Amino acid sequence: MSRKILLSLAVFAGSLNLWCQVEPSATGGAGNSDDDSLMTLPPSVSGSFYPSETGDQYKENSLSGGILFTAAYDDNVLAGQATKPITAESYTILPNIALNTRTSRLNGSLRYSPGFVFYHPTSELNDVTQNAVADFSYRITPHTVVGVQESFQQNSTVFSGPYTAAGATISGSGTSALPIVLIPYGGEITDFTNGHIGYQFSRSSMISAAGFFSSFHFSGSALSEGLYNSNAGGGGVSYSRRLTRTQFIGASYGYSVSNISSFDTTTDNHTGSVFYNIDLGKAFSLSLTGGPEYSTTTTQGTAPTHTWAPSVNAGLGWQRKRANFALSYAHSITTGYGLLGSFTSDSASTTVGWQFTRRLTGNLNGSYSNTKSAASQLFAYTATGHSVFGRAALSYRLSERLNLVGEYTRLHQAYSAIGFISSDPDADRVAVSLNYGFTRPLGH
């Protein structure tokens, strides 16, 4: 936990330092440059997150912070651990800090929220919580750009986490840093880190390399009920060709390896794909990627299992002054996410926001995943199942620095091999939040 806090603060401090070193009039950048000879990596390659702010929630070159108080009613906090669902109230105290910066070289955002959650009467669930999301790109030379994305969550999922983080990790690559199986109130730490570098070697051609690391760690009853700790890593290379100022095509190759430590199980994936991308900045972005995928799963004492399958990714982002929309879809052979072995996955995530008036804003978020085991002959356990999540929220600005938010969240999951889900598959949550915050401009 302390390592992640230090990493987030280091990114935050470094971003401020870089911003101060770059003048807005500098040339050769990726941020506000109008030079159409300079290329940026398409979202399908960089994995950058789509904007999730609506209206004046997003302010370029600003530092913001505050504190969030949430009171919630949950109708199923100890799923699978009792003969019937147990209801409880929860109270969250969540300080937060955020940075948005955009210059001729640097473009990025950072959000970090550490806090505490208290439950009544189920006080054994009381715990700390953390949410960190970072997305930065920096043009180190006129033709070389580097970037990093980070998503870290501790005891906080899209179901029980703060509304301020909703929809923040929908990626232009079509993949998601969110877990497939949601553990609303169990001990869980998830981490996803992605880095890339791109080099433009001609007016309309660019090559890039990328690497990633992810981990899903569970504690308590989750480990005894059918979920497994996993680590994964990998990388890839790509070639991008610009057709017009806003359209790109290209090809990529990716490799990844995932390990389930408790079962000594390893899965290797090889993916070759072609992609097409339309990028109009924050206004509109569309990414389409497809190709074959080859997977090998090995477990000590058994013969390896080999699987061929198509891989398809799609991402769409759209933003206007008073509205935003983002959608991602992925069909692939996947490993990790708390499940055992390899499995074919169809997953989708979306976020929609609309500013009705100067004071009233609405948001909808949702996700769907469906998995089917690709190595069922190796395990009696099967990763077959599905989950559906949805959230609706209304935010009303009481004053310049104070917002009142009401939200309803619904979760349905069906995984027969995971005990606490199969016995009580549904959970509902109603919450009211007060968010006090401030925003300060940078560079003035």
Protein backbone atom coordinates (compact mmCIF):
# COMPACT_ATOMS: atom_id res chain seq x y z
CA MET A 1 0.00 0.00 0.00
CA SER A 2 2.75 2.47 0.97
CA ARG A 3 4.58 1.76 -2.31
CA LYS A 4 1.53 2.77 -4.32
CA ILE A 5 1.05 5.95 -2.31
CA LEU A 6 4.67 6.93 -2.96
CA LEU A 7 4.31 6.09 -6.67
CA SER A 8 1.21 8.25 -7.01
CA LEU A 9 2.84 11.17 -5.20
CA ALA A 10 5.99 10.80 -7.31
CA VAL A 11 3.96 10.97 -10.55
CA PHE A 12 2.08 13.96 -9.17
CA ALA A 13 5.25 15.83 -8.16
CA GLY A 14 7.02 14.97 -11.39
CA SER A 15 4.09 16.21 -13.45
CA LEU A 16 4.11 19.56 -11.69
CA ASN A 17 7.86 19.83 -12.26
CA LEU A 18 7.58 19.01 -15.95
CA TRP A 19 4.75 21.48 -16.42
CA CYS A 20 6.84 24.24 -14.92
CA GLN A 21 9.72 23.45 -17.30
CA VAL A 22 7.66 23.71 -20.49
CA GLU A 23 6.44 26.97 -21.91
CA PRO A 24 3.06 26.93 -23.65
CA SER A 25 4.73 28.32 -26.77
CA ALA A 26 7.19 25.44 -27.08
CA THR A 27 7.05 23.54 -30.38
CA GLY A 28 7.15 19.87 -31.18
CA GLY A 29 4.58 18.84 -28.61
CA ALA A 30 1.59 16.56 -28.48
CA GLY A 31 -0.72 18.69 -26.38
CA ASN A 32 -1.88 21.89 -28.10
CA SER A 33 0.32 21.70 -31.21
CA ASP A 34 -1.37 22.48 -34.55
CA ASP A 35 1.53 21.03 -36.57
CA ASP A 36 -0.11 18.24 -38.57
CA SER A 37 3.29 16.72 -39.38
CA LEU A 38 3.56 15.51 -35.77
CA MET A 39 1.88 12.19 -34.97
CA THR A 40 0.52 10.86 -31.70
CA LEU A 41 -0.07 7.24 -30.84
CA PRO A 42 -3.66 6.12 -31.53
CA PRO A 43 -5.63 5.24 -28.35
CA SER A 44 -5.82 1.64 -29.57
CA VAL A 45 -2.01 1.48 -29.18
CA SER A 46 -1.34 3.79 -26.22
CA GLY A 47 -4.24 2.47 -24.10
CA SER A 48 -5.05 6.00 -22.93
CA PHE A 49 -8.22 6.46 -20.88
CA TYR A 50 -11.18 8.30 -22.35
CA PRO A 51 -12.37 11.50 -20.59
CA SER A 52 -15.11 10.87 -18.01
CA GLU A 53 -15.83 14.45 -16.92
CA THR A 54 -18.94 16.35 -17.91
CA GLY A 55 -19.33 20.09 -18.41
CA ASP A 56 -17.09 22.20 -16.19
CA GLN A 57 -15.96 19.15 -14.16
CA TYR A 58 -12.84 19.13 -16.34
CA LYS A 59 -10.49 22.11 -16.25
CA GLU A 60 -7.18 22.05 -18.06
CA ASN A 61 -4.03 22.99 -16.15
CA SER A 62 -5.67 22.84 -12.75
CA LEU A 63 -5.07 21.35 -9.31
CA SER A 64 -8.12 20.29 -7.33
CA GLY A 65 -8.79 18.59 -4.04
CA GLY A 66 -11.38 18.08 -1.35
CA ILE A 67 -13.06 15.56 0.88
CA LEU A 68 -16.00 13.24 0.22
CA PHE A 69 -18.47 11.99 2.86
CA THR A 70 -20.75 9.11 1.80
CA ALA A 71 -23.56 7.35 3.66
CA ALA A 72 -24.88 4.20 1.98
CA TYR A 73 -27.38 1.39 2.51
CA ASP A 74 -26.26 -2.03 1.24
CA ASP A 75 -28.65 -5.01 1.01
CA ASN A 76 -26.09 -7.83 0.71
CA VAL A 77 -22.74 -7.15 2.42
CA LEU A 78 -21.89 -10.74 3.44
CA ALA A 79 -22.88 -12.61 0.31
CA GLY A 80 -22.50 -16.38 0.68
CA GLN A 81 -21.52 -16.21 4.35
CA ALA A 82 -25.04 -16.37 5.78
CA THR A 83 -28.30 -18.21 5.08
CA LYS A 84 -29.84 -14.96 3.83
CA PRO A 85 -28.48 -11.59 2.68
CA ILE A 86 -27.36 -9.24 5.48
CA THR A 87 -28.06 -5.53 5.19
CA ALA A 88 -25.83 -2.81 6.60
CA GLU A 89 -25.10 0.89 6.51
CA SER A 90 -21.67 2.10 5.44
CA TYR A 91 -19.94 5.46 5.94
CA THR A 92 -16.97 6.60 3.86
CA ILE A 93 -14.52 9.44 4.49
CA LEU A 94 -12.44 10.04 1.38
CA PRO A 95 -9.99 12.92 0.88
CA ASN A 96 -9.03 13.38 -2.77
CA ILE A 97 -6.60 15.28 -4.97
CA ALA A 98 -6.55 15.64 -8.76
CA LEU A 99 -4.32 17.19 -11.40
CA ASN A 100 -5.17 18.02 -15.02
CA THR A 101 -2.40 19.42 -17.20
CA ARG A 102 -2.10 20.11 -20.92
CA THR A 103 0.82 21.93 -22.53
CA SER A 104 2.66 21.69 -25.85
CA ARG A 105 4.66 18.72 -24.48
CA LEU A 106 2.81 17.28 -21.50
CA ASN A 107 -0.77 16.01 -21.42
CA GLY A 108 -2.17 14.10 -18.47
CA SER A 109 -4.32 13.68 -15.41
CA LEU A 110 -3.98 12.18 -11.95
CA ARG A 111 -6.57 11.32 -9.29
CA TYR A 112 -5.78 9.90 -5.87
CA SER A 113 -8.24 9.15 -3.03
CA PRO A 114 -7.18 7.44 0.22
CA GLY A 115 -9.81 6.96 2.91
CA PHE A 116 -11.72 4.82 5.39
CA VAL A 117 -14.97 2.84 5.21
CA PHE A 118 -17.01 2.00 8.34
CA TYR A 119 -19.88 -0.52 8.41
CA HIS A 120 -22.74 -0.93 10.88
CA PRO A 121 -23.52 -3.44 12.29
CA THR A 122 -20.94 -5.53 10.36
CA SER A 123 -17.91 -3.74 11.78
CA GLU A 124 -15.59 -6.61 10.75
CA LEU A 125 -15.74 -5.14 7.24
CA ASN A 126 -14.23 -1.79 8.34
CA ASP A 127 -11.11 -1.07 6.31
CA VAL A 128 -8.96 1.46 4.51
CA THR A 129 -9.63 2.18 0.85
CA GLN A 130 -7.59 3.68 -1.98
CA ASN A 131 -8.25 4.72 -5.58
CA ALA A 132 -5.54 6.01 -7.92
CA VAL A 133 -5.85 6.70 -11.64
CA ALA A 134 -3.09 8.34 -13.72
CA ASP A 135 -2.75 8.90 -17.46
CA PHE A 136 0.21 10.92 -18.80
CA SER A 137 1.96 11.38 -22.13
CA TYR A 138 5.08 13.49 -22.70
CA ARG A 139 6.80 14.45 -25.97
CA ILE A 140 10.50 14.25 -25.15
CA THR A 141 11.58 15.22 -28.69
CA PRO A 142 9.59 16.44 -31.71
CA HIS A 143 9.27 12.84 -32.89
CA THR A 144 9.38 10.77 -29.69
CA VAL A 145 6.55 10.45 -27.18
CA VAL A 146 6.32 8.38 -23.99
CA GLY A 147 3.29 7.65 -21.84
CA VAL A 148 2.06 5.78 -18.79
CA GLN A 149 -1.33 4.73 -17.41
CA GLU A 150 -1.89 3.50 -13.87
CA SER A 151 -5.01 2.21 -12.10
CA PHE A 152 -4.81 1.05 -8.48
CA GLN A 153 -7.64 0.07 -6.14
CA GLN A 154 -7.62 -1.26 -2.59
CA ASN A 155 -10.89 -2.51 -1.08
CA SER A 156 -12.77 -0.43 -3.62
CA THR A 157 -14.63 -1.68 -6.70
CA VAL A 158 -16.87 -0.02 -9.27
CA PHE A 159 -19.73 -1.14 -7.03
CA SER A 160 -18.60 0.26 -3.67
CA GLY A 161 -16.04 2.86 -4.79
CA PRO A 162 -16.55 6.65 -4.96
CA TYR A 163 -18.67 8.12 -7.73
CA THR A 164 -15.74 10.43 -8.58
CA ALA A 165 -13.84 7.43 -10.04
CA ALA A 166 -16.76 6.07 -12.10
CA GLY A 167 -15.87 5.49 -15.75
CA ALA A 168 -12.32 6.82 -15.34
CA THR A 169 -10.54 3.71 -16.66
CA ILE A 170 -12.32 3.02 -19.95
CA SER A 171 -9.46 2.61 -22.38
CA GLY A 172 -9.07 3.42 -26.03
CA SER A 173 -7.59 -0.03 -26.57
CA GLY A 174 -10.90 -1.71 -25.73
CA THR A 175 -9.37 -3.47 -22.73
CA SER A 176 -10.22 -2.64 -19.12
CA ALA A 177 -8.32 -2.40 -15.86
CA LEU A 178 -11.50 -3.42 -14.03
CA PRO A 179 -11.88 -6.94 -12.60
CA ILE A 180 -14.31 -9.34 -14.28
CA VAL A 181 -15.65 -10.70 -10.98
CA LEU A 182 -16.61 -7.98 -8.49
CA ILE A 183 -16.09 -8.48 -4.75
CA PRO A 184 -18.06 -5.52 -3.33
CA TYR A 185 -16.99 -5.87 0.31
CA GLY A 186 -14.12 -8.39 0.40
CA GLY A 187 -10.41 -7.74 0.78
CA GLU A 188 -9.05 -6.98 -2.67
CA ILE A 189 -6.12 -5.13 -4.24
CA THR A 190 -6.00 -4.62 -8.00
CA ASP A 191 -3.25 -2.90 -9.95
CA PHE A 192 -2.78 -2.18 -13.66
CA THR A 193 0.25 -0.33 -15.07
CA ASN A 194 0.90 0.33 -18.77
CA GLY A 195 3.78 2.19 -20.40
CA HIS A 196 4.63 2.96 -24.02
CA ILE A 197 7.11 4.81 -26.24
CA GLY A 198 6.53 5.90 -29.82
CA TYR A 199 8.92 7.16 -32.49
CA GLN A 200 7.85 8.94 -35.68
CA PHE A 201 10.40 8.10 -38.38
CA SER A 202 8.61 9.78 -41.29
CA ARG A 203 5.85 12.32 -41.83
CA SER A 204 3.11 9.67 -41.71
CA SER A 205 4.70 6.60 -40.07
CA MET A 206 5.32 5.70 -36.44
CA ILE A 207 6.57 2.68 -34.51
CA SER A 208 6.00 1.98 -30.83
CA ALA A 209 6.72 -0.45 -28.02
CA ALA A 210 4.70 -1.02 -24.87
CA GLY A 211 4.70 -3.05 -21.69
CA PHE A 212 2.23 -3.71 -18.89
CA PHE A 213 1.86 -5.32 -15.47
CA SER A 214 -1.32 -6.30 -13.63
CA SER A 215 -2.12 -8.03 -10.36
CA PHE A 216 -5.28 -9.19 -8.60
CA HIS A 217 -4.84 -10.12 -4.95
CA PHE A 218 -7.63 -11.23 -2.63
CA SER A 219 -7.79 -11.92 1.10
CA GLY A 220 -10.15 -13.49 3.63
CA SER A 221 -13.12 -15.53 2.45
CA ALA A 222 -12.64 -14.64 -1.22
CA LEU A 223 -9.62 -16.96 -1.48
CA SER A 224 -11.55 -19.89 -0.01
CA GLU A 225 -14.63 -19.33 -2.18
CA GLY A 226 -13.19 -19.82 -5.67
CA LEU A 227 -11.02 -16.77 -6.40
CA TYR A 228 -7.26 -16.90 -6.99
CA ASN A 229 -4.39 -14.42 -6.75
CA SER A 230 -2.73 -13.72 -10.10
CA ASN A 231 0.00 -11.64 -11.68
CA ALA A 232 0.40 -10.87 -15.36
CA GLY A 233 2.81 -8.99 -17.57
CA GLY A 234 3.67 -8.54 -21.19
CA GLY A 235 4.45 -6.18 -24.00
CA GLY A 236 4.14 -5.54 -27.67
CA VAL A 237 5.23 -3.58 -30.73
CA SER A 238 3.21 -1.76 -33.37
CA TYR A 239 3.43 0.15 -36.63
CA SER A 240 1.05 3.08 -37.31
CA ARG A 241 0.41 4.74 -40.66
CA ARG A 242 -1.44 8.05 -40.93
CA LEU A 243 -3.96 8.15 -43.77
CA THR A 244 -5.23 11.66 -43.06
CA ARG A 245 -4.70 14.12 -40.22
CA THR A 246 -7.26 12.24 -38.10
CA GLN A 247 -7.22 8.66 -39.46
CA PHE A 248 -4.68 5.93 -38.75
CA ILE A 249 -4.19 2.28 -39.66
CA GLY A 250 -1.57 -0.14 -38.42
CA ALA A 251 -0.54 -3.57 -37.20
CA SER A 252 0.64 -4.84 -33.82
CA TYR A 253 1.94 -7.91 -32.03
CA GLY A 254 1.48 -8.56 -28.32
CA TYR A 255 2.68 -11.14 -25.83
CA SER A 256 1.53 -11.71 -22.26
CA VAL A 257 2.05 -14.26 -19.51
CA SER A 258 -0.16 -14.80 -16.45
CA ASN A 259 0.56 -16.86 -13.37
CA ILE A 260 -1.77 -18.32 -10.72
CA SER A 261 0.59 -18.92 -7.81
CA SER A 262 -1.55 -21.25 -5.68
CA PHE A 263 -2.08 -23.68 -8.59
CA ASP A 264 1.29 -23.28 -10.32
CA THR A 265 -0.60 -22.45 -13.50
CA THR A 266 0.82 -20.32 -16.32
CA THR A 267 -0.88 -19.03 -19.45
CA ASP A 268 0.98 -17.52 -22.44
CA ASN A 269 -0.85 -15.43 -25.03
CA HIS A 270 0.30 -14.30 -28.49
CA THR A 271 -1.85 -11.81 -30.41
CA GLY A 272 -1.42 -10.38 -33.90
CA SER A 273 -3.81 -7.66 -35.00
CA VAL A 274 -4.54 -4.82 -37.38
CA PHE A 275 -6.23 -1.62 -36.28
CA TYR A 276 -8.04 1.45 -37.59
CA ASN A 277 -8.46 4.67 -35.61
CA ILE A 278 -10.20 8.03 -36.02
CA ASP A 279 -8.96 10.62 -33.53
CA LEU A 280 -10.41 14.12 -33.20
CA GLY A 281 -8.90 14.73 -29.76
CA LYS A 282 -11.37 14.93 -26.89
CA ALA A 283 -14.25 15.60 -29.30
CA PHE A 284 -14.36 12.10 -30.80
CA SER A 285 -12.21 8.97 -30.99
CA LEU A 286 -12.97 5.55 -32.47
CA SER A 287 -10.66 2.52 -32.36
CA LEU A 288 -11.18 -0.88 -34.02
CA THR A 289 -8.71 -3.77 -33.59
CA GLY A 290 -8.88 -7.41 -34.65
CA GLY A 291 -6.74 -10.46 -35.29
CA PRO A 292 -5.91 -14.03 -34.22
CA GLU A 293 -4.88 -15.00 -30.69
CA TYR A 294 -3.01 -18.10 -29.57
CA SER A 295 -3.02 -19.26 -25.95
CA THR A 296 -1.14 -22.01 -24.08
CA THR A 297 -2.07 -22.98 -20.51
CA THR A 298 0.24 -25.25 -18.50
CA THR A 299 -0.21 -26.78 -15.06
CA GLN A 300 2.33 -28.92 -13.26
CA GLY A 301 1.72 -32.62 -13.89
CA THR A 302 -0.61 -32.16 -16.91
CA ALA A 303 -0.18 -31.70 -20.65
CA PRO A 304 -0.50 -28.08 -21.87
CA THR A 305 -3.71 -26.88 -23.50
CA HIS A 306 -3.53 -24.89 -26.76
CA THR A 307 -6.29 -22.58 -27.99
CA TRP A 308 -6.78 -20.46 -31.11
CA ALA A 309 -9.46 -17.76 -31.14
CA PRO A 310 -10.23 -14.39 -32.74
CA SER A 311 -9.45 -11.26 -30.75
CA VAL A 312 -11.56 -8.11 -31.21
CA ASN A 313 -11.26 -4.78 -29.40
CA ALA A 314 -13.24 -1.60 -29.91
CA GLY A 315 -13.27 1.73 -28.11
CA LEU A 316 -15.24 4.93 -28.60
CA GLY A 317 -14.98 8.27 -26.83
CA TRP A 318 -17.09 11.40 -27.38
CA GLN A 319 -17.08 14.63 -25.40
CA ARG A 320 -18.80 17.97 -25.67
CA LYS A 321 -19.06 20.92 -23.33
CA ARG A 322 -22.10 19.47 -21.53
CA ALA A 323 -21.87 15.78 -22.33
CA ASN A 324 -19.53 12.84 -22.55
CA PHE A 325 -19.78 9.21 -23.67
CA ALA A 326 -17.24 6.36 -23.65
CA LEU A 327 -17.63 2.71 -24.61
CA SER A 328 -15.23 -0.21 -24.82
CA TYR A 329 -15.68 -3.82 -25.93
CA ALA A 330 -13.26 -6.75 -25.97
CA HIS A 331 -13.47 -10.39 -27.09
CA SER A 332 -10.33 -12.34 -26.29
CA ILE A 333 -8.68 -15.23 -24.50
CA THR A 334 -8.00 -13.86 -21.03
CA THR A 335 -6.31 -14.97 -17.83
CA GLY A 336 -6.18 -13.71 -14.25
CA TYR A 337 -8.85 -11.39 -12.84
CA GLY A 338 -9.28 -13.83 -9.92
CA LEU A 339 -10.26 -16.76 -12.15
CA LEU A 340 -8.33 -19.99 -12.71
CA GLY A 341 -6.75 -20.93 -16.03
CA SER A 342 -7.55 -19.30 -19.37
CA PHE A 343 -11.01 -18.34 -20.54
CA THR A 344 -12.74 -16.74 -23.50
CA SER A 345 -14.13 -13.39 -22.43
CA ASP A 346 -16.65 -10.92 -23.83
CA SER A 347 -16.63 -7.70 -21.85
CA ALA A 348 -17.99 -4.18 -22.29
CA SER A 349 -17.88 -0.98 -20.22
CA THR A 350 -19.60 2.35 -20.74
CA THR A 351 -20.04 5.75 -19.11
CA VAL A 352 -22.47 8.54 -20.03
CA GLY A 353 -22.62 12.01 -18.52
CA TRP A 354 -24.88 14.99 -19.13
CA GLN A 355 -24.95 18.43 -17.53
CA PHE A 356 -28.66 19.32 -17.44
CA THR A 357 -28.20 22.76 -15.90
CA ARG A 358 -25.35 24.77 -14.42
CA ARG A 359 -25.98 22.99 -11.09
CA LEU A 360 -27.40 19.57 -12.04
CA THR A 361 -25.38 16.76 -13.67
CA GLY A 362 -26.33 13.13 -14.34
CA ASN A 363 -24.11 10.10 -14.89
CA LEU A 364 -24.69 6.49 -15.94
CA ASN A 365 -22.03 3.78 -15.75
CA GLY A 366 -22.23 0.11 -16.59
CA SER A 367 -20.25 -3.00 -17.42
CA TYR A 368 -20.94 -6.53 -18.64
CA SER A 369 -18.68 -9.57 -18.82
CA ASN A 370 -19.25 -13.15 -19.91
CA THR A 371 -16.58 -15.83 -19.57
CA LYS A 372 -16.21 -19.43 -20.70
CA SER A 373 -13.33 -21.66 -19.66
CA ALA A 374 -10.79 -22.32 -22.42
CA ALA A 375 -8.95 -25.00 -20.41
CA SER A 376 -11.80 -26.93 -18.75
CA GLN A 377 -10.02 -30.25 -19.33
CA LEU A 378 -7.29 -29.17 -16.88
CA PHE A 379 -9.53 -28.20 -13.96
CA ALA A 380 -12.71 -29.41 -12.32
CA TYR A 381 -13.20 -25.72 -11.58
CA THR A 382 -14.74 -23.72 -14.42
CA ALA A 383 -14.51 -20.00 -15.09
CA THR A 384 -17.87 -19.95 -16.88
CA GLY A 385 -20.25 -17.21 -15.78
CA HIS A 386 -21.31 -13.60 -16.26
CA SER A 387 -21.68 -10.34 -14.39
CA VAL A 388 -23.76 -7.18 -14.97
CA PHE A 389 -23.15 -3.88 -13.19
CA GLY A 390 -24.97 -0.55 -13.40
CA ARG A 391 -24.86 2.80 -11.62
CA ALA A 392 -27.01 5.94 -11.91
CA ALA A 393 -26.07 9.19 -10.15
CA LEU A 394 -27.33 12.77 -9.91
CA SER A 395 -25.05 15.54 -8.68
CA TYR A 396 -26.39 18.93 -7.55
CA ARG A 397 -24.09 21.86 -6.89
CA LEU A 398 -25.15 23.49 -3.62
CA SER A 399 -22.40 26.12 -3.81
CA GLU A 400 -19.16 26.75 -5.63
CA ARG A 401 -17.34 24.18 -3.50
CA LEU A 402 -20.08 21.86 -2.25
CA ASN A 403 -21.92 19.14 -4.21
CA LEU A 404 -24.74 16.81 -3.12
CA VAL A 405 -24.83 13.44 -4.92
CA GLY A 406 -27.42 10.66 -4.87
CA GLU A 407 -26.74 7.32 -6.53
CA TYR A 408 -28.14 3.83 -7.00
CA THR A 409 -25.96 0.81 -7.88
CA ARG A 410 -27.01 -2.69 -8.96
CA LEU A 411 -24.83 -5.81 -9.33
CA HIS A 412 -25.78 -9.26 -10.62
CA GLN A 413 -23.25 -12.10 -10.98
CA ALA A 414 -23.58 -15.77 -11.86
CA TYR A 415 -20.50 -17.96 -11.32
CA SER A 416 -21.38 -21.44 -10.06
CA ALA A 417 -17.78 -22.23 -9.04
CA ILE A 418 -17.54 -19.17 -6.74
CA GLY A 419 -19.52 -19.99 -3.61
CA PHE A 420 -20.36 -16.58 -2.22
CA ILE A 421 -21.61 -15.43 -5.64
CA SER A 422 -23.66 -18.51 -6.54
CA SER A 423 -25.57 -18.45 -3.23
CA ASP A 424 -26.40 -14.72 -3.31
CA PRO A 425 -25.85 -13.35 -6.84
CA ASP A 426 -27.47 -9.92 -6.44
CA ALA A 427 -26.51 -6.78 -4.52
CA ASP A 428 -28.01 -3.28 -4.38
CA ARG A 429 -26.65 -0.06 -2.94
CA VAL A 430 -28.17 3.37 -2.36
CA ALA A 431 -25.84 6.20 -1.36
CA VAL A 432 -25.87 9.93 -0.62
CA SER A 433 -22.61 11.92 -0.71
CA LEU A 434 -21.43 15.41 0.19
CA ASN A 435 -18.35 16.47 -1.74
CA TYR A 436 -16.43 19.57 -0.66
CA GLY A 437 -13.74 20.59 -3.13
CA PHE A 438 -11.59 23.37 -4.52
CA THR A 439 -9.88 24.02 -7.87
CA ARG A 440 -6.80 26.14 -8.49
CA PRO A 441 -5.32 27.05 -11.90
CA LEU A 442 -1.71 26.13 -12.66
CA GLY A 443 0.82 28.26 -14.48
CA HIS A 444 -0.80 31.66 -13.90
